[in-house]
Amino acid sequence: MGTGRKFHKKPKTRPKKKPRERQRREKEQRARLAALGVPEEKVRVMTAKDVRQQLRRPAKVAKG
């Protein structure tokens, strides 16, 4: 088996995700949740997955 096109084009077509960018996105999302009225302490203990789910439905965030 030779090395085909598959091994040469991969990262250029779809760049690899960087940990620092992920941290920046998560920090921004937590700030958005806090701006919606969620208490800072509650946002701090939430997981990244919970934060994303809360941001999908902002109407539910305001209720509680």
PDB file of N, CA and C in Angstrom:
ATOM      1  N   MET A   1       0.843  -1.192   0.000  1.00  0.00           N
ATOM      2  CA  MET A   1       0.000   0.000   0.000  1.00  0.00           C
ATOM      3  C   MET A   1       0.878   1.243   0.000  1.00  0.00           C
ATOM      4  N   GLY A   2       0.547   2.146  -0.872  1.00  0.00           N
ATOM      5  CA  GLY A   2       1.286   3.402  -0.918  1.00  0.00           C
ATOM      6  C   GLY A   2       0.583   4.476  -0.105  1.00  0.00           C
ATOM      7  N   THR A   3       1.203   5.625  -0.061  1.00  0.00           N
ATOM      8  CA  THR A   3       0.564   6.748   0.626  1.00  0.00           C
ATOM      9  C   THR A   3      -0.192   7.552  -0.423  1.00  0.00           C
ATOM     10  N   GLY A   4      -1.469   7.567  -0.304  1.00  0.00           N
ATOM     11  CA  GLY A   4      -2.307   8.221  -1.298  1.00  0.00           C
ATOM     12  C   GLY A   4      -2.642   9.656  -0.943  1.00  0.00           C
ATOM     13  N   ARG A   5      -3.564  10.203  -1.654  1.00  0.00           N
ATOM     14  CA  ARG A   5      -3.994  11.590  -1.482  1.00  0.00           C
ATOM     15  C   ARG A   5      -4.587  11.817  -0.090  1.00  0.00           C
ATOM     16  N   LYS A   6      -5.182  10.776   0.463  1.00  0.00           N
ATOM     17  CA  LYS A   6      -5.835  10.861   1.765  1.00  0.00           C
ATOM     18  C   LYS A   6      -4.903  11.408   2.849  1.00  0.00           C
ATOM     19  N   PHE A   7      -3.647  11.021   2.809  1.00  0.00           N
ATOM     20  CA  PHE A   7      -2.713  11.429   3.850  1.00  0.00           C
ATOM     21  C   PHE A   7      -2.128  12.815   3.616  1.00  0.00           C
ATOM     22  N   HIS A   8      -2.248  13.344   2.418  1.00  0.00           N
ATOM     23  CA  HIS A   8      -1.648  14.633   2.110  1.00  0.00           C
ATOM     24  C   HIS A   8      -2.606  15.797   2.286  1.00  0.00           C
ATOM     25  N   LYS A   9      -3.888  15.600   2.166  1.00  0.00           N
ATOM     26  CA  LYS A   9      -4.841  16.716   2.138  1.00  0.00           C
ATOM     27  C   LYS A   9      -5.570  16.957   3.457  1.00  0.00           C
ATOM     28  N   LYS A  10      -5.484  16.049   4.414  1.00  0.00           N
ATOM     29  CA  LYS A  10      -6.338  16.071   5.592  1.00  0.00           C
ATOM     30  C   LYS A  10      -6.358  17.396   6.379  1.00  0.00           C
ATOM     31  N   PRO A  11      -5.291  17.843   6.991  1.00  0.00           N
ATOM     32  CA  PRO A  11      -5.390  19.047   7.832  1.00  0.00           C
ATOM     33  C   PRO A  11      -5.713  20.320   7.055  1.00  0.00           C
ATOM     34  N   LYS A  12      -5.367  20.365   5.784  1.00  0.00           N
ATOM     35  CA  LYS A  12      -5.667  21.559   4.993  1.00  0.00           C
ATOM     36  C   LYS A  12      -7.153  21.664   4.715  1.00  0.00           C
ATOM     37  N   THR A  13      -7.779  20.539   4.478  1.00  0.00           N
ATOM     38  CA  THR A  13      -9.204  20.540   4.189  1.00  0.00           C
ATOM     39  C   THR A  13     -10.010  20.881   5.430  1.00  0.00           C
ATOM     40  N   ARG A  14      -9.649  20.282   6.535  1.00  0.00           N
ATOM     41  CA  ARG A  14     -10.351  20.529   7.797  1.00  0.00           C
ATOM     42  C   ARG A  14      -9.299  20.709   8.891  1.00  0.00           C
ATOM     43  N   PRO A  15      -9.010  21.946   9.255  1.00  0.00           N
ATOM     44  CA  PRO A  15      -7.939  22.190  10.228  1.00  0.00           C
ATOM     45  C   PRO A  15      -8.202  21.527  11.575  1.00  0.00           C
ATOM     46  N   LYS A  16      -7.136  21.186  12.265  1.00  0.00           N
ATOM     47  CA  LYS A  16      -7.255  20.578  13.589  1.00  0.00           C
ATOM     48  C   LYS A  16      -7.722  21.611  14.593  1.00  0.00           C
ATOM     49  N   LYS A  17      -8.532  21.170  15.556  1.00  0.00           N
ATOM     50  CA  LYS A  17      -9.009  22.072  16.600  1.00  0.00           C
ATOM     51  C   LYS A  17      -7.903  22.300  17.620  1.00  0.00           C
ATOM     52  N   LYS A  18      -7.846  23.520  18.127  1.00  0.00           N
ATOM     53  CA  LYS A  18      -6.802  23.879  19.071  1.00  0.00           C
ATOM     54  C   LYS A  18      -7.385  24.062  20.472  1.00  0.00           C
ATOM     55  N   PRO A  19      -6.708  23.555  21.492  1.00  0.00           N
ATOM     56  CA  PRO A  19      -7.225  23.647  22.867  1.00  0.00           C
ATOM     57  C   PRO A  19      -7.442  25.084  23.333  1.00  0.00           C
ATOM     58  N   ARG A  20      -6.562  25.995  22.942  1.00  0.00           N
ATOM     59  CA  ARG A  20      -6.700  27.390  23.377  1.00  0.00           C
ATOM     60  C   ARG A  20      -7.964  28.021  22.797  1.00  0.00           C
ATOM     61  N   GLU A  21      -8.287  27.701  21.559  1.00  0.00           N
ATOM     62  CA  GLU A  21      -9.507  28.222  20.938  1.00  0.00           C
ATOM     63  C   GLU A  21     -10.743  27.686  21.658  1.00  0.00           C
ATOM     64  N   ARG A  22     -10.690  26.428  22.070  1.00  0.00           N
ATOM     65  CA  ARG A  22     -11.804  25.836  22.802  1.00  0.00           C
ATOM     66  C   ARG A  22     -12.015  26.548  24.136  1.00  0.00           C
ATOM     67  N   GLN A  23     -10.920  26.825  24.832  1.00  0.00           N
ATOM     68  CA  GLN A  23     -11.013  27.548  26.097  1.00  0.00           C
ATOM     69  C   GLN A  23     -11.629  28.928  25.895  1.00  0.00           C
ATOM     70  N   ARG A  24     -11.235  29.598  24.805  1.00  0.00           N
ATOM     71  CA  ARG A  24     -11.764  30.928  24.515  1.00  0.00           C
ATOM     72  C   ARG A  24     -13.264  30.868  24.254  1.00  0.00           C
ATOM     73  N   ARG A  25     -13.693  29.866  23.474  1.00  0.00           N
ATOM     74  CA  ARG A  25     -15.123  29.712  23.174  1.00  0.00           C
ATOM     75  C   ARG A  25     -15.925  29.442  24.437  1.00  0.00           C
ATOM     76  N   GLU A  26     -15.411  28.547  25.291  1.00  0.00           N
ATOM     77  CA  GLU A  26     -16.128  28.210  26.522  1.00  0.00           C
ATOM     78  C   GLU A  26     -16.234  29.415  27.444  1.00  0.00           C
ATOM     79  N   LYS A  27     -15.186  30.201  27.542  1.00  0.00           N
ATOM     80  CA  LYS A  27     -15.196  31.399  28.380  1.00  0.00           C
ATOM     81  C   LYS A  27     -16.233  32.399  27.860  1.00  0.00           C
ATOM     82  N   GLU A  28     -16.272  32.553  26.556  1.00  0.00           N
ATOM     83  CA  GLU A  28     -17.241  33.461  25.933  1.00  0.00           C
ATOM     84  C   GLU A  28     -18.675  32.986  26.184  1.00  0.00           C
ATOM     85  N   GLN A  29     -18.901  31.688  26.083  1.00  0.00           N
ATOM     86  CA  GLN A  29     -20.237  31.145  26.304  1.00  0.00           C
ATOM     87  C   GLN A  29     -20.674  31.314  27.761  1.00  0.00           C
ATOM     88  N   ARG A  30     -19.758  31.144  28.690  1.00  0.00           N
ATOM     89  CA  ARG A  30     -20.085  31.346  30.108  1.00  0.00           C
ATOM     90  C   ARG A  30     -20.452  32.804  30.370  1.00  0.00           C
ATOM     91  N   ALA A  31     -19.752  33.720  29.713  1.00  0.00           N
ATOM     92  CA  ALA A  31     -20.064  35.142  29.865  1.00  0.00           C
ATOM     93  C   ALA A  31     -21.449  35.452  29.300  1.00  0.00           C
ATOM     94  N   ARG A  32     -21.801  34.811  28.204  1.00  0.00           N
ATOM     95  CA  ARG A  32     -23.124  35.017  27.608  1.00  0.00           C
ATOM     96  C   ARG A  32     -24.225  34.511  28.542  1.00  0.00           C
ATOM     97  N   LEU A  33     -23.990  33.369  29.196  1.00  0.00           N
ATOM     98  CA  LEU A  33     -24.963  32.836  30.151  1.00  0.00           C
ATOM     99  C   LEU A  33     -25.144  33.791  31.333  1.00  0.00           C
ATOM    100  N   ALA A  34     -24.045  34.317  31.821  1.00  0.00           N
ATOM    101  CA  ALA A  34     -24.112  35.253  32.939  1.00  0.00           C
ATOM    102  C   ALA A  34     -24.875  36.512  32.538  1.00  0.00           C
ATOM    103  N   ALA A  35     -24.696  36.952  31.305  1.00  0.00           N
ATOM    104  CA  ALA A  35     -25.404  38.134  30.806  1.00  0.00           C
ATOM    105  C   ALA A  35     -26.906  37.874  30.700  1.00  0.00           C
ATOM    106  N   LEU A  36     -27.284  36.620  30.533  1.00  0.00           N
ATOM    107  CA  LEU A  36     -28.713  36.273  30.449  1.00  0.00           C
ATOM    108  C   LEU A  36     -29.372  36.250  31.828  1.00  0.00           C
ATOM    109  N   GLY A  37     -28.574  36.317  32.872  1.00  0.00           N
ATOM    110  CA  GLY A  37     -29.150  36.384  34.212  1.00  0.00           C
ATOM    111  C   GLY A  37     -28.921  35.171  35.087  1.00  0.00           C
ATOM    112  N   VAL A  38     -28.126  34.233  34.632  1.00  0.00           N
ATOM    113  CA  VAL A  38     -27.822  33.062  35.446  1.00  0.00           C
ATOM    114  C   VAL A  38     -26.774  33.479  36.484  1.00  0.00           C
ATOM    115  N   PRO A  39     -26.958  33.101  37.754  1.00  0.00           N
ATOM    116  CA  PRO A  39     -25.982  33.476  38.790  1.00  0.00           C
ATOM    117  C   PRO A  39     -24.573  32.980  38.461  1.00  0.00           C
ATOM    118  N   GLU A  40     -23.599  33.811  38.782  1.00  0.00           N
ATOM    119  CA  GLU A  40     -22.187  33.519  38.477  1.00  0.00           C
ATOM    120  C   GLU A  40     -21.723  32.203  39.101  1.00  0.00           C
ATOM    121  N   GLU A  41     -22.165  31.911  40.325  1.00  0.00           N
ATOM    122  CA  GLU A  41     -21.753  30.674  40.996  1.00  0.00           C
ATOM    123  C   GLU A  41     -22.284  29.447  40.270  1.00  0.00           C
ATOM    124  N   LYS A  42     -23.517  29.554  39.784  1.00  0.00           N
ATOM    125  CA  LYS A  42     -24.130  28.435  39.066  1.00  0.00           C
ATOM    126  C   LYS A  42     -23.410  28.183  37.739  1.00  0.00           C
ATOM    127  N   VAL A  43     -23.049  29.253  37.055  1.00  0.00           N
ATOM    128  CA  VAL A  43     -22.339  29.124  35.775  1.00  0.00           C
ATOM    129  C   VAL A  43     -20.965  28.494  35.997  1.00  0.00           C
ATOM    130  N   ARG A  44     -20.316  28.855  37.086  1.00  0.00           N
ATOM    131  CA  ARG A  44     -18.966  28.374  37.363  1.00  0.00           C
ATOM    132  C   ARG A  44     -18.925  26.862  37.536  1.00  0.00           C
ATOM    133  N   VAL A  45     -19.958  26.261  38.153  1.00  0.00           N
ATOM    134  CA  VAL A  45     -19.930  24.824  38.407  1.00  0.00           C
ATOM    135  C   VAL A  45     -20.521  23.995  37.267  1.00  0.00           C
ATOM    136  N   MET A  46     -21.090  24.647  36.260  1.00  0.00           N
ATOM    137  CA  MET A  46     -21.671  23.922  35.131  1.00  0.00           C
ATOM    138  C   MET A  46     -20.570  23.363  34.231  1.00  0.00           C
ATOM    139  N   THR A  47     -20.861  22.214  33.616  1.00  0.00           N
ATOM    140  CA  THR A  47     -19.925  21.655  32.646  1.00  0.00           C
ATOM    141  C   THR A  47     -20.103  22.382  31.318  1.00  0.00           C
ATOM    142  N   ALA A  48     -19.144  22.203  30.418  1.00  0.00           N
ATOM    143  CA  ALA A  48     -19.201  22.856  29.109  1.00  0.00           C
ATOM    144  C   ALA A  48     -20.446  22.400  28.341  1.00  0.00           C
ATOM    145  N   LYS A  49     -20.784  21.134  28.486  1.00  0.00           N
ATOM    146  CA  LYS A  49     -21.958  20.596  27.798  1.00  0.00           C
ATOM    147  C   LYS A  49     -23.240  21.253  28.314  1.00  0.00           C
ATOM    148  N   ASP A  50     -23.333  21.431  29.632  1.00  0.00           N
ATOM    149  CA  ASP A  50     -24.500  22.089  30.222  1.00  0.00           C
ATOM    150  C   ASP A  50     -24.622  23.534  29.749  1.00  0.00           C
ATOM    151  N   VAL A  51     -23.494  24.220  29.663  1.00  0.00           N
ATOM    152  CA  VAL A  51     -23.496  25.610  29.219  1.00  0.00           C
ATOM    153  C   VAL A  51     -24.043  25.706  27.800  1.00  0.00           C
ATOM    154  N   ARG A  52     -23.577  24.829  26.923  1.00  0.00           N
ATOM    155  CA  ARG A  52     -24.048  24.858  25.532  1.00  0.00           C
ATOM    156  C   ARG A  52     -25.539  24.568  25.448  1.00  0.00           C
ATOM    157  N   GLN A  53     -26.016  23.616  26.249  1.00  0.00           N
ATOM    158  CA  GLN A  53     -27.442  23.285  26.219  1.00  0.00           C
ATOM    159  C   GLN A  53     -28.289  24.434  26.731  1.00  0.00           C
ATOM    160  N   GLN A  54     -27.821  25.142  27.746  1.00  0.00           N
ATOM    161  CA  GLN A  54     -28.567  26.281  28.280  1.00  0.00           C
ATOM    162  C   GLN A  54     -28.637  27.401  27.241  1.00  0.00           C
ATOM    163  N   LEU A  55     -27.571  27.575  26.482  1.00  0.00           N
ATOM    164  CA  LEU A  55     -27.543  28.641  25.474  1.00  0.00           C
ATOM    165  C   LEU A  55     -28.424  28.326  24.274  1.00  0.00           C
ATOM    166  N   ARG A  56     -28.705  27.050  24.049  1.00  0.00           N
ATOM    167  CA  ARG A  56     -29.575  26.694  22.920  1.00  0.00           C
ATOM    168  C   ARG A  56     -31.003  27.168  23.144  1.00  0.00           C
ATOM    169  N   ARG A  57     -31.440  27.162  24.380  1.00  0.00           N
ATOM    170  CA  ARG A  57     -32.811  27.557  24.737  1.00  0.00           C
ATOM    171  C   ARG A  57     -32.771  28.672  25.783  1.00  0.00           C
ATOM    172  N   PRO A  58     -32.504  29.911  25.361  1.00  0.00           N
ATOM    173  CA  PRO A  58     -32.351  31.007  26.317  1.00  0.00           C
ATOM    174  C   PRO A  58     -33.631  31.311  27.109  1.00  0.00           C
ATOM    175  N   ALA A  59     -34.809  30.995  26.581  1.00  0.00           N
ATOM    176  CA  ALA A  59     -36.057  31.258  27.288  1.00  0.00           C
ATOM    177  C   ALA A  59     -36.134  30.434  28.579  1.00  0.00           C
ATOM    178  N   LYS A  60     -35.620  29.195  28.546  1.00  0.00           N
ATOM    179  CA  LYS A  60     -35.625  28.349  29.727  1.00  0.00           C
ATOM    180  C   LYS A  60     -34.626  28.832  30.769  1.00  0.00           C
ATOM    181  N   VAL A  61     -33.572  29.498  30.318  1.00  0.00           N
ATOM    182  CA  VAL A  61     -32.561  30.014  31.241  1.00  0.00           C
ATOM    183  C   VAL A  61     -33.164  31.105  32.110  1.00  0.00           C
ATOM    184  N   ALA A  62     -33.961  31.960  31.507  1.00  0.00           N
ATOM    185  CA  ALA A  62     -34.554  33.088  32.245  1.00  0.00           C
ATOM    186  C   ALA A  62     -35.524  32.591  33.319  1.00  0.00           C
ATOM    187  N   LYS A  63     -36.215  31.473  33.047  1.00  0.00           N
ATOM    188  CA  LYS A  63     -37.184  30.949  34.005  1.00  0.00           C
ATOM    189  C   LYS A  63     -36.520  30.331  35.219  1.00  0.00           C
ATOM    190  N   GLY A  64     -35.385  29.714  35.032  1.00  0.00           N
ATOM    191  CA  GLY A  64     -34.778  29.115  36.209  1.00  0.00           C
ATOM    192  C   GLY A  64     -33.819  28.066  35.856  1.00  0.00           C
TER     193      GLY A  64
END
